[in-house]
C-alpha atoms as a PDB file:
ATOM      1  CA  UNK A   1       0.000   0.000   0.000  1.00  0.00           C
ATOM      2  CA  UNK A   2       1.291   3.478  -0.842  1.00  0.00           C
ATOM      3  CA  UNK A   3       2.299   5.756   1.987  1.00  0.00           C
ATOM      4  CA  UNK A   4       0.273   8.915   2.714  1.00  0.00           C
ATOM      5  CA  UNK A   5       3.169  11.075   1.585  1.00  0.00           C
ATOM      6  CA  UNK A   6       3.393   9.425  -1.848  1.00  0.00           C
ATOM      7  CA  UNK A   7      -0.374   9.805  -2.394  1.00  0.00           C
ATOM      8  CA  UNK A   8      -0.147  13.532  -1.593  1.00  0.00           C
ATOM      9  CA  UNK A   9       2.522  13.931  -4.275  1.00  0.00           C
ATOM     10  CA  UNK A  10       0.436  12.382  -7.067  1.00  0.00           C
ATOM     11  CA  UNK A  11      -0.662  14.880  -9.710  1.00  0.00           C
ATOM     12  CA  UNK A  12      -4.372  14.848 -10.601  1.00  0.00           C
ATOM     13  CA  UNK A  13      -6.133  16.457 -13.525  1.00  0.00           C
ATOM     14  CA  UNK A  14      -8.009  19.588 -12.529  1.00  0.00           C
ATOM     15  CA  UNK A  15     -10.364  21.475 -14.845  1.00  0.00           C
ATOM     16  CA  UNK A  16     -10.844  25.206 -14.376  1.00  0.00           C
ATOM     17  CA  UNK A  17     -14.361  26.107 -15.500  1.00  0.00           C
ATOM     18  CA  UNK A  18     -14.744  29.809 -16.292  1.00  0.00           C
ATOM     19  CA  UNK A  19     -18.352  29.762 -17.366  1.00  0.00           C
ATOM     20  CA  UNK A  20     -21.194  27.796 -18.839  1.00  0.00           C
ATOM     21  CA  UNK A  21     -23.516  28.487 -21.698  1.00  0.00           C
ATOM     22  CA  UNK A  22     -26.122  26.831 -23.855  1.00  0.00           C
ATOM     23  CA  UNK A  23     -25.679  26.575 -27.598  1.00  0.00           C
ATOM     24  CA  UNK A  24     -27.774  24.849 -30.224  1.00  0.00           C
ATOM     25  CA  UNK A  25     -26.145  21.742 -31.711  1.00  0.00           C
ATOM     26  CA  UNK A  26     -25.925  23.549 -35.071  1.00  0.00           C
ATOM     27  CA  UNK A  27     -23.757  26.271 -33.464  1.00  0.00           C
ATOM     28  CA  UNK A  28     -21.491  23.656 -31.873  1.00  0.00           C
ATOM     29  CA  UNK A  29     -21.158  21.799 -35.161  1.00  0.00           C
ATOM     30  CA  UNK A  30     -20.112  24.950 -36.989  1.00  0.00           C
ATOM     31  CA  UNK A  31     -17.448  26.073 -34.452  1.00  0.00           C
ATOM     32  CA  UNK A  32     -13.978  26.445 -35.918  1.00  0.00           C
ATOM     33  CA  UNK A  33     -10.611  27.659 -34.713  1.00  0.00           C
ATOM     34  CA  UNK A  34     -10.626  31.413 -34.104  1.00  0.00           C
ATOM     35  CA  UNK A  35     -14.388  31.666 -33.482  1.00  0.00           C
ATOM     36  CA  UNK A  36     -15.468  33.763 -30.494  1.00  0.00           C
ATOM     37  CA  UNK A  37     -18.297  32.569 -28.279  1.00  0.00           C
ATOM     38  CA  UNK A  38     -19.963  35.165 -26.079  1.00  0.00           C
ATOM     39  CA  UNK A  39     -20.388  34.160 -22.451  1.00  0.00           C
ATOM     40  CA  UNK A  40     -23.104  36.077 -20.649  1.00  0.00           C
ATOM     41  CA  UNK A  41     -21.946  37.834 -17.495  1.00  0.00           C
ATOM     42  CA  UNK A  42     -22.034  41.245 -15.882  1.00  0.00           C
ATOM     43  CA  UNK A  43     -18.902  43.077 -17.055  1.00  0.00           C
ATOM     44  CA  UNK A  44     -18.129  44.615 -13.657  1.00  0.00           C
ATOM     45  CA  UNK A  45     -18.518  41.318 -11.794  1.00  0.00           C
ATOM     46  CA  UNK A  46     -15.419  39.226 -11.118  1.00  0.00           C
ATOM     47  CA  UNK A  47     -14.902  36.190 -13.333  1.00  0.00           C
ATOM     48  CA  UNK A  48     -15.773  33.160 -11.231  1.00  0.00           C
ATOM     49  CA  UNK A  49     -13.721  29.983 -11.610  1.00  0.00           C
ATOM     50  CA  UNK A  50     -14.701  26.518 -10.418  1.00  0.00           C
ATOM     51  CA  UNK A  51     -11.969  23.900 -10.048  1.00  0.00           C
ATOM     52  CA  UNK A  52     -13.325  20.440 -10.834  1.00  0.00           C
ATOM     53  CA  UNK A  53     -11.744  17.076  -9.935  1.00  0.00           C
ATOM     54  CA  UNK A  54     -13.502  13.819 -10.917  1.00  0.00           C
ATOM     55  CA  UNK A  55     -16.492  15.826 -12.150  1.00  0.00           C
ATOM     56  CA  UNK A  56     -17.021  17.294  -8.659  1.00  0.00           C
ATOM     57  CA  UNK A  57     -16.490  20.951  -7.675  1.00  0.00           C
ATOM     58  CA  UNK A  58     -13.395  21.098  -5.489  1.00  0.00           C
ATOM     59  CA  UNK A  59     -12.762  24.821  -5.053  1.00  0.00           C
ATOM     60  CA  UNK A  60     -14.099  28.194  -6.180  1.00  0.00           C
ATOM     61  CA  UNK A  61     -12.038  31.227  -7.104  1.00  0.00           C
ATOM     62  CA  UNK A  62     -12.155  34.580  -8.833  1.00  0.00           C
ATOM     63  CA  UNK A  63      -9.941  35.472 -11.757  1.00  0.00           C
ATOM     64  CA  UNK A  64      -7.778  38.502 -11.034  1.00  0.00           C
ATOM     65  CA  UNK A  65      -4.906  40.320 -12.657  1.00  0.00           C
ATOM     66  CA  UNK A  66      -1.786  40.527 -10.493  1.00  0.00           C
ATOM     67  CA  UNK A  67       1.096  42.438 -12.022  1.00  0.00           C
ATOM     68  CA  UNK A  68       1.394  40.970 -15.529  1.00  0.00           C
ATOM     69  CA  UNK A  69      -0.380  37.657 -14.873  1.00  0.00           C
ATOM     70  CA  UNK A  70      -3.929  36.403 -14.514  1.00  0.00           C
ATOM     71  CA  UNK A  71      -4.358  34.318 -11.366  1.00  0.00           C
ATOM     72  CA  UNK A  72      -7.254  32.451  -9.780  1.00  0.00           C
ATOM     73  CA  UNK A  73      -7.650  33.508  -6.147  1.00  0.00           C
ATOM     74  CA  UNK A  74      -9.351  30.727  -4.173  1.00  0.00           C
ATOM     75  CA  UNK A  75     -12.448  31.911  -2.328  1.00  0.00           C
ATOM     76  CA  UNK A  76     -13.778  28.573  -1.018  1.00  0.00           C
ATOM     77  CA  UNK A  77     -12.801  24.915  -1.001  1.00  0.00           C
ATOM     78  CA  UNK A  78     -14.668  21.675  -0.464  1.00  0.00           C
ATOM     79  CA  UNK A  79     -15.054  20.408   3.073  1.00  0.00           C
ATOM     80  CA  UNK A  80     -12.014  18.244   4.033  1.00  0.00           C
ATOM     81  CA  UNK A  81     -14.131  15.052   3.980  1.00  0.00           C
ATOM     82  CA  UNK A  82     -15.424  15.926   0.506  1.00  0.00           C
ATOM     83  CA  UNK A  83     -11.805  16.383  -0.616  1.00  0.00           C
ATOM     84  CA  UNK A  84     -10.943  12.900   0.635  1.00  0.00           C
ATOM     85  CA  UNK A  85     -13.911  11.447  -1.270  1.00  0.00           C
ATOM     86  CA  UNK A  86     -12.838  13.162  -4.503  1.00  0.00           C
ATOM     87  CA  UNK A  87      -9.293  11.795  -4.276  1.00  0.00           C
ATOM     88  CA  UNK A  88     -10.434   8.335  -3.140  1.00  0.00           C
ATOM     89  CA  UNK A  89     -12.655   8.087  -6.211  1.00  0.00           C
ATOM     90  CA  UNK A  90      -9.734   9.203  -8.378  1.00  0.00           C
ATOM     91  CA  UNK A  91      -7.457   6.572  -6.827  1.00  0.00           C
ATOM     92  CA  UNK A  92     -10.069   3.834  -7.387  1.00  0.00           C
ATOM     93  CA  UNK A  93     -10.552   4.880 -11.012  1.00  0.00           C
ATOM     94  CA  UNK A  94      -6.785   4.927 -11.568  1.00  0.00           C
ATOM     95  CA  UNK A  95      -6.362   1.469 -10.021  1.00  0.00           C
ATOM     96  CA  UNK A  96      -9.160   0.051 -12.203  1.00  0.00           C
ATOM     97  CA  UNK A  97      -7.566   1.617 -15.296  1.00  0.00           C
ATOM     98  CA  UNK A  98      -4.212  -0.061 -14.535  1.00  0.00           C
ATOM     99  CA  UNK A  99      -5.884  -3.454 -13.989  1.00  0.00           C
ATOM    100  CA  UNK A 100      -7.386  -3.477 -17.486  1.00  0.00           C
END
């Protein structure tokens, strides 16, 4: 069995979701490189980011500009027990993938 330290050092895939929208299938089918898709939001409101691991929200943040970079500043995270569940599911999925 892997030690706790080695599990903490494992990299997991995290998606940063900046927004959601609905598009008709015809619009999706016609998308091509360079197209711009308008995302509805209030222009003065901060851009909200949701970090997703294993299809579950893990943390929330706002997108900010600091010096010359854009950064996501974390505003809330999942409860510690929810975090354990997210990573346990990831570990189970990874183990099943290696068995096949």
